[in-house]
Amino acid sequence: QVQLVESGGGLVQAGGSLRLSCAASGSIFRLNAMGWYRQAPGKQRELVATITSGRSTNYADSVKGRFTISRDNAKNTVALQMNSLKPEDTAVYYCNLKAPLVGGDYWGQGTQVTVSS
């Protein structure tokens, strides 16, 4: 079984930075892509960034050039470095691991990011 635990959220001013971290337990981390999602109240959950097992990355247009996703397979962690934060980045951020071959879709508990004007 897989468990994901996010940390690093908080309150920052616009233009500031935060680094989120997700620690994964289980044996399937290394062979699967990881993603960060976010959800604001009243809005649908949206994909922020993904990173494959080979460390190829993709970003939502809204965060390109500002956010960086990375992973450390030896430590079973994935991070999201968020720079130049904007109020519209305010949301609960979730770490996700999808393992469709074994019917797995794993989520962390979420960490709140609040960006003030």
PDB file of N, CA and C in Angstrom:
ATOM      1  N   GLN A   1       0.852  -1.190   0.000  1.00  0.00           N
ATOM      2  CA  GLN A   1       0.000   0.000   0.000  1.00  0.00           C
ATOM      3  C   GLN A   1       0.888   1.240   0.000  1.00  0.00           C
ATOM      4  N   VAL A   2       0.373   2.332  -0.559  1.00  0.00           N
ATOM      5  CA  VAL A   2       1.115   3.573  -0.695  1.00  0.00           C
ATOM      6  C   VAL A   2       0.469   4.652   0.153  1.00  0.00           C
ATOM      7  N   GLN A   3       1.300   5.393   0.856  1.00  0.00           N
ATOM      8  CA  GLN A   3       0.857   6.572   1.582  1.00  0.00           C
ATOM      9  C   GLN A   3       1.702   7.768   1.166  1.00  0.00           C
ATOM     10  N   LEU A   4       1.053   8.914   0.988  1.00  0.00           N
ATOM     11  CA  LEU A   4       1.712  10.149   0.611  1.00  0.00           C
ATOM     12  C   LEU A   4       1.424  11.205   1.670  1.00  0.00           C
ATOM     13  N   VAL A   5       2.461  11.920   2.086  1.00  0.00           N
ATOM     14  CA  VAL A   5       2.321  12.944   3.109  1.00  0.00           C
ATOM     15  C   VAL A   5       2.972  14.228   2.619  1.00  0.00           C
ATOM     16  N   GLU A   6       2.171  15.288   2.473  1.00  0.00           N
ATOM     17  CA  GLU A   6       2.674  16.580   2.035  1.00  0.00           C
ATOM     18  C   GLU A   6       3.051  17.445   3.231  1.00  0.00           C
ATOM     19  N   SER A   7       3.980  18.356   2.994  1.00  0.00           N
ATOM     20  CA  SER A   7       4.356  19.334   3.995  1.00  0.00           C
ATOM     21  C   SER A   7       4.892  20.577   3.295  1.00  0.00           C
ATOM     22  N   GLY A   8       5.006  21.666   4.031  1.00  0.00           N
ATOM     23  CA  GLY A   8       5.628  22.868   3.515  1.00  0.00           C
ATOM     24  C   GLY A   8       4.694  24.005   3.172  1.00  0.00           C
ATOM     25  N   GLY A   9       3.388  23.790   3.285  1.00  0.00           N
ATOM     26  CA  GLY A   9       2.452  24.860   3.000  1.00  0.00           C
ATOM     27  C   GLY A   9       2.521  25.951   4.045  1.00  0.00           C
ATOM     28  N   GLY A  10       1.896  27.072   3.730  1.00  0.00           N
ATOM     29  CA  GLY A  10       1.891  28.187   4.657  1.00  0.00           C
ATOM     30  C   GLY A  10       1.341  29.437   4.026  1.00  0.00           C
ATOM     31  N   LEU A  11       1.564  30.549   4.697  1.00  0.00           N
ATOM     32  CA  LEU A  11       1.099  31.861   4.264  1.00  0.00           C
ATOM     33  C   LEU A  11       2.288  32.699   3.836  1.00  0.00           C
ATOM     34  N   VAL A  12       2.237  33.226   2.620  1.00  0.00           N
ATOM     35  CA  VAL A  12       3.300  34.086   2.104  1.00  0.00           C
ATOM     36  C   VAL A  12       2.689  35.274   1.374  1.00  0.00           C
ATOM     37  N   GLN A  13       3.486  36.315   1.236  1.00  0.00           N
ATOM     38  CA  GLN A  13       3.073  37.471   0.453  1.00  0.00           C
ATOM     39  C   GLN A  13       3.300  37.225  -1.029  1.00  0.00           C
ATOM     40  N   ALA A  14       2.536  37.909  -1.854  1.00  0.00           N
ATOM     41  CA  ALA A  14       2.742  37.833  -3.291  1.00  0.00           C
ATOM     42  C   ALA A  14       4.192  38.138  -3.634  1.00  0.00           C
ATOM     43  N   GLY A  15       4.741  37.333  -4.528  1.00  0.00           N
ATOM     44  CA  GLY A  15       6.141  37.458  -4.892  1.00  0.00           C
ATOM     45  C   GLY A  15       7.068  36.582  -4.088  1.00  0.00           C
ATOM     46  N   GLY A  16       6.561  35.986  -3.024  1.00  0.00           N
ATOM     47  CA  GLY A  16       7.367  35.132  -2.179  1.00  0.00           C
ATOM     48  C   GLY A  16       7.469  33.719  -2.709  1.00  0.00           C
ATOM     49  N   SER A  17       8.106  32.862  -1.914  1.00  0.00           N
ATOM     50  CA  SER A  17       8.365  31.484  -2.315  1.00  0.00           C
ATOM     51  C   SER A  17       7.996  30.504  -1.222  1.00  0.00           C
ATOM     52  N   LEU A  18       7.639  29.306  -1.632  1.00  0.00           N
ATOM     53  CA  LEU A  18       7.432  28.175  -0.745  1.00  0.00           C
ATOM     54  C   LEU A  18       7.947  26.929  -1.432  1.00  0.00           C
ATOM     55  N   ARG A  19       8.361  25.963  -0.636  1.00  0.00           N
ATOM     56  CA  ARG A  19       8.774  24.671  -1.159  1.00  0.00           C
ATOM     57  C   ARG A  19       7.930  23.597  -0.499  1.00  0.00           C
ATOM     58  N   LEU A  20       7.158  22.884  -1.302  1.00  0.00           N
ATOM     59  CA  LEU A  20       6.349  21.786  -0.821  1.00  0.00           C
ATOM     60  C   LEU A  20       7.108  20.476  -0.991  1.00  0.00           C
ATOM     61  N   SER A  21       6.876  19.562  -0.081  1.00  0.00           N
ATOM     62  CA  SER A  21       7.505  18.261  -0.154  1.00  0.00           C
ATOM     63  C   SER A  21       6.458  17.181   0.048  1.00  0.00           C
ATOM     64  N   CYS A  22       6.637  16.077  -0.625  1.00  0.00           N
ATOM     65  CA  CYS A  22       5.754  14.922  -0.503  1.00  0.00           C
ATOM     66  C   CYS A  22       6.609  13.695  -0.269  1.00  0.00           C
ATOM     67  N   ALA A  23       6.371  13.026   0.839  1.00  0.00           N
ATOM     68  CA  ALA A  23       7.079  11.804   1.172  1.00  0.00           C
ATOM     69  C   ALA A  23       6.170  10.614   0.915  1.00  0.00           C
ATOM     70  N   ALA A  24       6.668   9.645   0.177  1.00  0.00           N
ATOM     71  CA  ALA A  24       5.888   8.477  -0.209  1.00  0.00           C
ATOM     72  C   ALA A  24       6.403   7.230   0.480  1.00  0.00           C
ATOM     73  N   SER A  25       5.480   6.420   0.928  1.00  0.00           N
ATOM     74  CA  SER A  25       5.813   5.092   1.414  1.00  0.00           C
ATOM     75  C   SER A  25       5.283   4.070   0.418  1.00  0.00           C
ATOM     76  N   GLY A  26       5.883   2.895   0.417  1.00  0.00           N
ATOM     77  CA  GLY A  26       5.487   1.876  -0.529  1.00  0.00           C
ATOM     78  C   GLY A  26       6.604   1.554  -1.495  1.00  0.00           C
ATOM     79  N   SER A  27       6.347   0.587  -2.358  1.00  0.00           N
ATOM     80  CA  SER A  27       7.387   0.054  -3.229  1.00  0.00           C
ATOM     81  C   SER A  27       7.259   0.447  -4.687  1.00  0.00           C
ATOM     82  N   ILE A  28       6.262   1.257  -5.060  1.00  0.00           N
ATOM     83  CA  ILE A  28       6.009   1.561  -6.467  1.00  0.00           C
ATOM     84  C   ILE A  28       6.391   2.975  -6.868  1.00  0.00           C
ATOM     85  N   PHE A  29       7.008   3.723  -5.985  1.00  0.00           N
ATOM     86  CA  PHE A  29       7.319   5.122  -6.260  1.00  0.00           C
ATOM     87  C   PHE A  29       8.228   5.281  -7.471  1.00  0.00           C
ATOM     88  N   ARG A  30       9.289   4.532  -7.519  1.00  0.00           N
ATOM     89  CA  ARG A  30      10.344   4.755  -8.508  1.00  0.00           C
ATOM     90  C   ARG A  30       9.872   4.596  -9.950  1.00  0.00           C
ATOM     91  N   LEU A  31       8.907   3.718 -10.212  1.00  0.00           N
ATOM     92  CA  LEU A  31       8.501   3.390 -11.571  1.00  0.00           C
ATOM     93  C   LEU A  31       7.294   4.175 -12.068  1.00  0.00           C
ATOM     94  N   ASN A  32       6.806   5.106 -11.296  1.00  0.00           N
ATOM     95  CA  ASN A  32       5.596   5.838 -11.652  1.00  0.00           C
ATOM     96  C   ASN A  32       5.819   7.339 -11.684  1.00  0.00           C
ATOM     97  N   ALA A  33       5.020   7.996 -12.505  1.00  0.00           N
ATOM     98  CA  ALA A  33       5.022   9.445 -12.523  1.00  0.00           C
ATOM     99  C   ALA A  33       4.328   9.987 -11.277  1.00  0.00           C
ATOM    100  N   MET A  34       4.738  11.177 -10.871  1.00  0.00           N
ATOM    101  CA  MET A  34       4.143  11.863  -9.739  1.00  0.00           C
ATOM    102  C   MET A  34       3.587  13.202 -10.200  1.00  0.00           C
ATOM    103  N   GLY A  35       2.604  13.687  -9.489  1.00  0.00           N
ATOM    104  CA  GLY A  35       2.031  14.974  -9.829  1.00  0.00           C
ATOM    105  C   GLY A  35       1.651  15.778  -8.614  1.00  0.00           C
ATOM    106  N   TRP A  36       1.609  17.080  -8.800  1.00  0.00           N
ATOM    107  CA  TRP A  36       1.043  17.995  -7.830  1.00  0.00           C
ATOM    108  C   TRP A  36      -0.235  18.578  -8.421  1.00  0.00           C
ATOM    109  N   TYR A  37      -1.297  18.533  -7.646  1.00  0.00           N
ATOM    110  CA  TYR A  37      -2.567  19.135  -7.994  1.00  0.00           C
ATOM    111  C   TYR A  37      -2.908  20.203  -6.971  1.00  0.00           C
ATOM    112  N   ARG A  38      -3.847  21.052  -7.317  1.00  0.00           N
ATOM    113  CA  ARG A  38      -4.331  22.022  -6.346  1.00  0.00           C
ATOM    114  C   ARG A  38      -5.823  22.233  -6.526  1.00  0.00           C
ATOM    115  N   GLN A  39      -6.467  22.632  -5.452  1.00  0.00           N
ATOM    116  CA  GLN A  39      -7.900  22.868  -5.476  1.00  0.00           C
ATOM    117  C   GLN A  39      -8.244  24.046  -4.574  1.00  0.00           C
ATOM    118  N   ALA A  40      -8.888  25.025  -5.157  1.00  0.00           N
ATOM    119  CA  ALA A  40      -9.392  26.167  -4.415  1.00  0.00           C
ATOM    120  C   ALA A  40     -10.867  25.942  -4.099  1.00  0.00           C
ATOM    121  N   PRO A  41     -11.392  26.569  -3.040  1.00  0.00           N
ATOM    122  CA  PRO A  41     -12.806  26.391  -2.695  1.00  0.00           C
ATOM    123  C   PRO A  41     -13.724  26.715  -3.864  1.00  0.00           C
ATOM    124  N   GLY A  42     -14.672  25.825  -4.126  1.00  0.00           N
ATOM    125  CA  GLY A  42     -15.626  26.034  -5.192  1.00  0.00           C
ATOM    126  C   GLY A  42     -15.107  25.753  -6.581  1.00  0.00           C
ATOM    127  N   LYS A  43     -13.869  25.308  -6.692  1.00  0.00           N
ATOM    128  CA  LYS A  43     -13.281  25.028  -7.989  1.00  0.00           C
ATOM    129  C   LYS A  43     -12.865  23.573  -8.095  1.00  0.00           C
ATOM    130  N   GLN A  44     -12.753  23.114  -9.328  1.00  0.00           N
ATOM    131  CA  GLN A  44     -12.334  21.754  -9.582  1.00  0.00           C
ATOM    132  C   GLN A  44     -10.830  21.609  -9.354  1.00  0.00           C
ATOM    133  N   ARG A  45     -10.438  20.457  -8.910  1.00  0.00           N
ATOM    134  CA  ARG A  45      -9.021  20.150  -8.746  1.00  0.00           C
ATOM    135  C   ARG A  45      -8.316  20.240 -10.090  1.00  0.00           C
ATOM    136  N   GLU A  46      -7.151  20.855 -10.127  1.00  0.00           N
ATOM    137  CA  GLU A  46      -6.423  21.023 -11.368  1.00  0.00           C
ATOM    138  C   GLU A  46      -4.987  20.537 -11.228  1.00  0.00           C
ATOM    139  N   LEU A  47      -4.460  20.051 -12.319  1.00  0.00           N
ATOM    140  CA  LEU A  47      -3.082  19.590 -12.356  1.00  0.00           C
ATOM    141  C   LEU A  47      -2.138  20.780 -12.420  1.00  0.00           C
ATOM    142  N   VAL A  48      -1.116  20.760 -11.581  1.00  0.00           N
ATOM    143  CA  VAL A  48      -0.124  21.826 -11.536  1.00  0.00           C
ATOM    144  C   VAL A  48       1.154  21.420 -12.259  1.00  0.00           C
ATOM    145  N   ALA A  49       1.681  20.250 -11.937  1.00  0.00           N
ATOM    146  CA  ALA A  49       2.942  19.799 -12.510  1.00  0.00           C
ATOM    147  C   ALA A  49       3.047  18.294 -12.388  1.00  0.00           C
ATOM    148  N   THR A  50       3.777  17.686 -13.314  1.00  0.00           N
ATOM    149  CA  THR A  50       4.053  16.255 -13.262  1.00  0.00           C
ATOM    150  C   THR A  50       5.531  16.010 -13.503  1.00  0.00           C
ATOM    151  N   ILE A  51       5.989  14.869 -13.014  1.00  0.00           N
ATOM    152  CA  ILE A  51       7.356  14.436 -13.268  1.00  0.00           C
ATOM    153  C   ILE A  51       7.346  12.931 -13.441  1.00  0.00           C
ATOM    154  N   THR A  52       7.950  12.454 -14.523  1.00  0.00           N
ATOM    155  CA  THR A  52       7.975  11.033 -14.814  1.00  0.00           C
ATOM    156  C   THR A  52       9.077  10.351 -14.038  1.00  0.00           C
ATOM    157  N   SER A  53       9.106   9.018 -14.159  1.00  0.00           N
ATOM    158  CA  SER A  53      10.167   8.257 -13.520  1.00  0.00           C
ATOM    159  C   SER A  53      11.533   8.624 -14.076  1.00  0.00           C
ATOM    160  N   GLY A  54      11.569   9.116 -15.328  1.00  0.00           N
ATOM    161  CA  GLY A  54      12.800   9.572 -15.942  1.00  0.00           C
ATOM    162  C   GLY A  54      13.077  11.043 -15.736  1.00  0.00           C
ATOM    163  N   ARG A  55      12.281  11.690 -14.913  1.00  0.00           N
ATOM    164  CA  ARG A  55      12.443  13.096 -14.524  1.00  0.00           C
ATOM    165  C   ARG A  55      12.113  14.082 -15.637  1.00  0.00           C
ATOM    166  N   SER A  56      11.298  13.656 -16.602  1.00  0.00           N
ATOM    167  CA  SER A  56      10.720  14.610 -17.538  1.00  0.00           C
ATOM    168  C   SER A  56       9.576  15.339 -16.849  1.00  0.00           C
ATOM    169  N   THR A  57       9.458  16.626 -17.095  1.00  0.00           N
ATOM    170  CA  THR A  57       8.481  17.443 -16.383  1.00  0.00           C
ATOM    171  C   THR A  57       7.518  18.141 -17.328  1.00  0.00           C
ATOM    172  N   ASN A  58       6.335  18.418 -16.802  1.00  0.00           N
ATOM    173  CA  ASN A  58       5.337  19.219 -17.492  1.00  0.00           C
ATOM    174  C   ASN A  58       4.654  20.115 -16.475  1.00  0.00           C
ATOM    175  N   TYR A  59       4.244  21.291 -16.928  1.00  0.00           N
ATOM    176  CA  TYR A  59       3.652  22.277 -16.047  1.00  0.00           C
ATOM    177  C   TYR A  59       2.403  22.878 -16.663  1.00  0.00           C
ATOM    178  N   ALA A  60       1.461  23.216 -15.809  1.00  0.00           N
ATOM    179  CA  ALA A  60       0.339  24.015 -16.254  1.00  0.00           C
ATOM    180  C   ALA A  60       0.850  25.364 -16.742  1.00  0.00           C
ATOM    181  N   ASP A  61       0.198  25.911 -17.758  1.00  0.00           N
ATOM    182  CA  ASP A  61       0.636  27.187 -18.304  1.00  0.00           C
ATOM    183  C   ASP A  61       0.694  28.281 -17.237  1.00  0.00           C
ATOM    184  N   SER A  62      -0.190  28.208 -16.273  1.00  0.00           N
ATOM    185  CA  SER A  62      -0.273  29.247 -15.267  1.00  0.00           C
ATOM    186  C   SER A  62       0.925  29.281 -14.321  1.00  0.00           C
ATOM    187  N   VAL A  63       1.710  28.204 -14.273  1.00  0.00           N
ATOM    188  CA  VAL A  63       2.836  28.146 -13.344  1.00  0.00           C
ATOM    189  C   VAL A  63       4.178  28.006 -14.038  1.00  0.00           C
ATOM    190  N   LYS A  64       4.198  27.889 -15.347  1.00  0.00           N
ATOM    191  CA  LYS A  64       5.452  27.740 -16.075  1.00  0.00           C
ATOM    192  C   LYS A  64       6.378  28.924 -15.802  1.00  0.00           C
ATOM    193  N   GLY A  65       7.629  28.608 -15.556  1.00  0.00           N
ATOM    194  CA  GLY A  65       8.610  29.637 -15.264  1.00  0.00           C
ATOM    195  C   GLY A  65       8.656  30.059 -13.819  1.00  0.00           C
ATOM    196  N   ARG A  66       7.685  29.624 -13.029  1.00  0.00           N
ATOM    197  CA  ARG A  66       7.630  29.995 -11.616  1.00  0.00           C
ATOM    198  C   ARG A  66       7.778  28.797 -10.689  1.00  0.00           C
ATOM    199  N   PHE A  67       7.229  27.651 -11.081  1.00  0.00           N
ATOM    200  CA  PHE A  67       7.260  26.443 -10.258  1.00  0.00           C
ATOM    201  C   PHE A  67       8.224  25.426 -10.856  1.00  0.00           C
ATOM    202  N   THR A  68       8.846  24.637  -9.993  1.00  0.00           N
ATOM    203  CA  THR A  68       9.731  23.569 -10.423  1.00  0.00           C
ATOM    204  C   THR A  68       9.420  22.307  -9.632  1.00  0.00           C
ATOM    205  N   ILE A  69       9.145  21.216 -10.334  1.00  0.00           N
ATOM    206  CA  ILE A  69       8.903  19.937  -9.692  1.00  0.00           C
ATOM    207  C   ILE A  69      10.172  19.093  -9.804  1.00  0.00           C
ATOM    208  N   SER A  70      10.480  18.352  -8.758  1.00  0.00           N
ATOM    209  CA  SER A  70      11.658  17.501  -8.751  1.00  0.00           C
ATOM    210  C   SER A  70      11.365  16.261  -7.914  1.00  0.00           C
ATOM    211  N   ARG A  71      12.200  15.248  -8.071  1.00  0.00           N
ATOM    212  CA  ARG A  71      12.019  14.031  -7.290  1.00  0.00           C
ATOM    213  C   ARG A  71      13.368  13.460  -6.899  1.00  0.00           C
ATOM    214  N   ASP A  72      13.359  12.753  -5.791  1.00  0.00           N
ATOM    215  CA  ASP A  72      14.531  12.050  -5.300  1.00  0.00           C
ATOM    216  C   ASP A  72      14.084  10.620  -5.059  1.00  0.00           C
ATOM    217  N   ASN A  73      14.372   9.748  -6.010  1.00  0.00           N
ATOM    218  CA  ASN A  73      13.897   8.374  -5.911  1.00  0.00           C
ATOM    219  C   ASN A  73      14.517   7.617  -4.743  1.00  0.00           C
ATOM    220  N   ALA A  74      15.744   7.967  -4.399  1.00  0.00           N
ATOM    221  CA  ALA A  74      16.400   7.298  -3.282  1.00  0.00           C
ATOM    222  C   ALA A  74      15.695   7.588  -1.966  1.00  0.00           C
ATOM    223  N   LYS A  75      15.094   8.763  -1.863  1.00  0.00           N
ATOM    224  CA  LYS A  75      14.399   9.161  -0.650  1.00  0.00           C
ATOM    225  C   LYS A  75      12.885   9.033  -0.754  1.00  0.00           C
ATOM    226  N   ASN A  76      12.382   8.630  -1.916  1.00  0.00           N
ATOM    227  CA  ASN A  76      10.942   8.528  -2.150  1.00  0.00           C
ATOM    228  C   ASN A  76      10.229   9.852  -1.860  1.00  0.00           C
ATOM    229  N   THR A  77      10.777  10.929  -2.396  1.00  0.00           N
ATOM    230  CA  THR A  77      10.175  12.233  -2.200  1.00  0.00           C
ATOM    231  C   THR A  77      10.021  12.970  -3.523  1.00  0.00           C
ATOM    232  N   VAL A  78       9.034  13.845  -3.578  1.00  0.00           N
ATOM    233  CA  VAL A  78       8.848  14.749  -4.696  1.00  0.00           C
ATOM    234  C   VAL A  78       8.606  16.130  -4.115  1.00  0.00           C
ATOM    235  N   ALA A  79       9.194  17.134  -4.733  1.00  0.00           N
ATOM    236  CA  ALA A  79       9.093  18.496  -4.230  1.00  0.00           C
ATOM    237  C   ALA A  79       8.507  19.415  -5.286  1.00  0.00           C
ATOM    238  N   LEU A  80       7.929  20.497  -4.828  1.00  0.00           N
ATOM    239  CA  LEU A  80       7.438  21.556  -5.703  1.00  0.00           C
ATOM    240  C   LEU A  80       7.960  22.877  -5.165  1.00  0.00           C
ATOM    241  N   GLN A  81       8.924  23.445  -5.872  1.00  0.00           N
ATOM    242  CA  GLN A  81       9.455  24.756  -5.528  1.00  0.00           C
ATOM    243  C   GLN A  81       8.591  25.810  -6.209  1.00  0.00           C
ATOM    244  N   MET A  82       8.009  26.689  -5.430  1.00  0.00           N
ATOM    245  CA  MET A  82       7.089  27.694  -5.940  1.00  0.00           C
ATOM    246  C   MET A  82       7.680  29.077  -5.700  1.00  0.00           C
ATOM    247  N   ASN A  83       8.011  29.765  -6.771  1.00  0.00           N
ATOM    248  CA  ASN A  83       8.558  31.106  -6.707  1.00  0.00           C
ATOM    249  C   ASN A  83       7.586  32.097  -7.332  1.00  0.00           C
ATOM    250  N   SER A  84       7.806  33.360  -7.046  1.00  0.00           N
ATOM    251  CA  SER A  84       6.972  34.430  -7.598  1.00  0.00           C
ATOM    252  C   SER A  84       5.491  34.134  -7.415  1.00  0.00           C
ATOM    253  N   LEU A  85       5.128  33.762  -6.211  1.00  0.00           N
ATOM    254  CA  LEU A  85       3.755  33.349  -5.936  1.00  0.00           C
ATOM    255  C   LEU A  85       2.767  34.494  -6.116  1.00  0.00           C
ATOM    256  N   LYS A  86       1.589  34.131  -6.598  1.00  0.00           N
ATOM    257  CA  LYS A  86       0.512  35.067  -6.848  1.00  0.00           C
ATOM    258  C   LYS A  86      -0.698  34.692  -6.001  1.00  0.00           C
ATOM    259  N   PRO A  87      -1.570  35.651  -5.699  1.00  0.00           N
ATOM    260  CA  PRO A  87      -2.771  35.313  -4.933  1.00  0.00           C
ATOM    261  C   PRO A  87      -3.594  34.190  -5.565  1.00  0.00           C
ATOM    262  N   GLU A  88      -3.614  34.106  -6.875  1.00  0.00           N
ATOM    263  CA  GLU A  88      -4.366  33.057  -7.541  1.00  0.00           C
ATOM    264  C   GLU A  88      -3.762  31.671  -7.381  1.00  0.00           C
ATOM    265  N   ASP A  89      -2.568  31.579  -6.792  1.00  0.00           N
ATOM    266  CA  ASP A  89      -1.982  30.284  -6.462  1.00  0.00           C
ATOM    267  C   ASP A  89      -2.550  29.720  -5.165  1.00  0.00           C
ATOM    268  N   THR A  90      -3.331  30.504  -4.449  1.00  0.00           N
ATOM    269  CA  THR A  90      -3.909  30.055  -3.189  1.00  0.00           C
ATOM    270  C   THR A  90      -4.800  28.838  -3.411  1.00  0.00           C
ATOM    271  N   ALA A  91      -4.512  27.761  -2.700  1.00  0.00           N
ATOM    272  CA  ALA A  91      -5.256  26.513  -2.843  1.00  0.00           C
ATOM    273  C   ALA A  91      -4.699  25.496  -1.861  1.00  0.00           C
ATOM    274  N   VAL A  92      -5.392  24.377  -1.763  1.00  0.00           N
ATOM    275  CA  VAL A  92      -4.834  23.207  -1.109  1.00  0.00           C
ATOM    276  C   VAL A  92      -4.090  22.416  -2.168  1.00  0.00           C
ATOM    277  N   TYR A  93      -2.845  22.092  -1.892  1.00  0.00           N
ATOM    278  CA  TYR A  93      -2.005  21.380  -2.836  1.00  0.00           C
ATOM    279  C   TYR A  93      -1.892  19.916  -2.429  1.00  0.00           C
ATOM    280  N   TYR A  94      -2.096  19.039  -3.401  1.00  0.00           N
ATOM    281  CA  TYR A  94      -2.102  17.605  -3.171  1.00  0.00           C
ATOM    282  C   TYR A  94      -1.035  16.903  -3.999  1.00  0.00           C
ATOM    283  N   CYS A  95      -0.362  15.967  -3.392  1.00  0.00           N
ATOM    284  CA  CYS A  95       0.568  15.079  -4.073  1.00  0.00           C
ATOM    285  C   CYS A  95      -0.194  13.857  -4.564  1.00  0.00           C
ATOM    286  N   ASN A  96       0.145  13.385  -5.766  1.00  0.00           N
ATOM    287  CA  ASN A  96      -0.576  12.270  -6.368  1.00  0.00           C
ATOM    288  C   ASN A  96       0.371  11.292  -7.036  1.00  0.00           C
ATOM    289  N   LEU A  97       0.058  10.017  -6.892  1.00  0.00           N
ATOM    290  CA  LEU A  97       0.751   8.949  -7.598  1.00  0.00           C
ATOM    291  C   LEU A  97      -0.304   8.053  -8.227  1.00  0.00           C
ATOM    292  N   LYS A  98      -0.232   7.889  -9.537  1.00  0.00           N
ATOM    293  CA  LYS A  98      -1.140   6.999 -10.248  1.00  0.00           C
ATOM    294  C   LYS A  98      -0.396   5.766 -10.715  1.00  0.00           C
ATOM    295  N   ALA A  99      -0.960   4.613 -10.409  1.00  0.00           N
ATOM    296  CA  ALA A  99      -0.402   3.327 -10.808  1.00  0.00           C
ATOM    297  C   ALA A  99      -1.513   2.510 -11.458  1.00  0.00           C
ATOM    298  N   PRO A 100      -1.865   2.843 -12.700  1.00  0.00           N
ATOM    299  CA  PRO A 100      -3.044   2.224 -13.321  1.00  0.00           C
ATOM    300  C   PRO A 100      -2.935   0.719 -13.518  1.00  0.00           C
ATOM    301  N   LEU A 101      -1.746   0.185 -13.684  1.00  0.00           N
ATOM    302  CA  LEU A 101      -1.602  -1.244 -13.903  1.00  0.00           C
ATOM    303  C   LEU A 101      -2.022  -2.062 -12.692  1.00  0.00           C
ATOM    304  N   VAL A 102      -1.972  -1.465 -11.524  1.00  0.00           N
ATOM    305  CA  VAL A 102      -2.409  -2.151 -10.312  1.00  0.00           C
ATOM    306  C   VAL A 102      -3.655  -1.500  -9.722  1.00  0.00           C
ATOM    307  N   GLY A 103      -4.309  -0.652 -10.512  1.00  0.00           N
ATOM    308  CA  GLY A 103      -5.531  -0.018 -10.066  1.00  0.00           C
ATOM    309  C   GLY A 103      -5.340   0.964  -8.939  1.00  0.00           C
ATOM    310  N   GLY A 104      -4.186   1.616  -8.904  1.00  0.00           N
ATOM    311  CA  GLY A 104      -3.877   2.520  -7.820  1.00  0.00           C
ATOM    312  C   GLY A 104      -3.990   3.988  -8.200  1.00  0.00           C
ATOM    313  N   ASP A 105      -4.507   4.781  -7.289  1.00  0.00           N
ATOM    314  CA  ASP A 105      -4.607   6.225  -7.436  1.00  0.00           C
ATOM    315  C   ASP A 105      -4.485   6.792  -6.026  1.00  0.00           C
ATOM    316  N   TYR A 106      -3.300   7.276  -5.700  1.00  0.00           N
ATOM    317  CA  TYR A 106      -2.978   7.617  -4.322  1.00  0.00           C
ATOM    318  C   TYR A 106      -2.820   9.118  -4.143  1.00  0.00           C
ATOM    319  N   TRP A 107      -3.347   9.618  -3.041  1.00  0.00           N
ATOM    320  CA  TRP A 107      -3.344  11.045  -2.747  1.00  0.00           C
ATOM    321  C   TRP A 107      -2.872  11.299  -1.331  1.00  0.00           C
ATOM    322  N   GLY A 108      -2.166  12.406  -1.166  1.00  0.00           N
ATOM    323  CA  GLY A 108      -1.841  12.866   0.159  1.00  0.00           C
ATOM    324  C   GLY A 108      -3.013  13.603   0.774  1.00  0.00           C
ATOM    325  N   GLN A 109      -2.823  14.069   1.996  1.00  0.00           N
ATOM    326  CA  GLN A 109      -3.893  14.743   2.730  1.00  0.00           C
ATOM    327  C   GLN A 109      -4.058  16.200   2.320  1.00  0.00           C
ATOM    328  N   GLY A 110      -3.090  16.746   1.631  1.00  0.00           N
ATOM    329  CA  GLY A 110      -3.124  18.127   1.190  1.00  0.00           C
ATOM    330  C   GLY A 110      -2.434  19.065   2.154  1.00  0.00           C
ATOM    331  N   THR A 111      -1.894  20.147   1.612  1.00  0.00           N
ATOM    332  CA  THR A 111      -1.283  21.193   2.422  1.00  0.00           C
ATOM    333  C   THR A 111      -1.730  22.549   1.884  1.00  0.00           C
ATOM    334  N   GLN A 112      -2.127  23.427   2.786  1.00  0.00           N
ATOM    335  CA  GLN A 112      -2.699  24.716   2.399  1.00  0.00           C
ATOM    336  C   GLN A 112      -1.613  25.708   2.037  1.00  0.00           C
ATOM    337  N   VAL A 113      -1.779  26.350   0.892  1.00  0.00           N
ATOM    338  CA  VAL A 113      -0.922  27.445   0.468  1.00  0.00           C
ATOM    339  C   VAL A 113      -1.794  28.685   0.317  1.00  0.00           C
ATOM    340  N   THR A 114      -1.449  29.742   1.032  1.00  0.00           N
ATOM    341  CA  THR A 114      -2.185  30.991   0.966  1.00  0.00           C
ATOM    342  C   THR A 114      -1.231  32.109   0.600  1.00  0.00           C
ATOM    343  N   VAL A 115      -1.557  32.840  -0.458  1.00  0.00           N
ATOM    344  CA  VAL A 115      -0.728  33.938  -0.939  1.00  0.00           C
ATOM    345  C   VAL A 115      -1.518  35.223  -0.788  1.00  0.00           C
ATOM    346  N   SER A 116      -1.008  36.128   0.003  1.00  0.00           N
ATOM    347  CA  SER A 116      -1.689  37.392   0.255  1.00  0.00           C
ATOM    348  C   SER A 116      -1.206  38.469  -0.707  1.00  0.00           C
ATOM    349  N   SER A 117      -2.074  39.448  -0.962  1.00  0.00           N
ATOM    350  CA  SER A 117      -1.743  40.538  -1.872  1.00  0.00           C
ATOM    351  C   SER A 117      -0.817  41.532  -1.206  1.00  0.00           C
TER     352      SER A 117
END
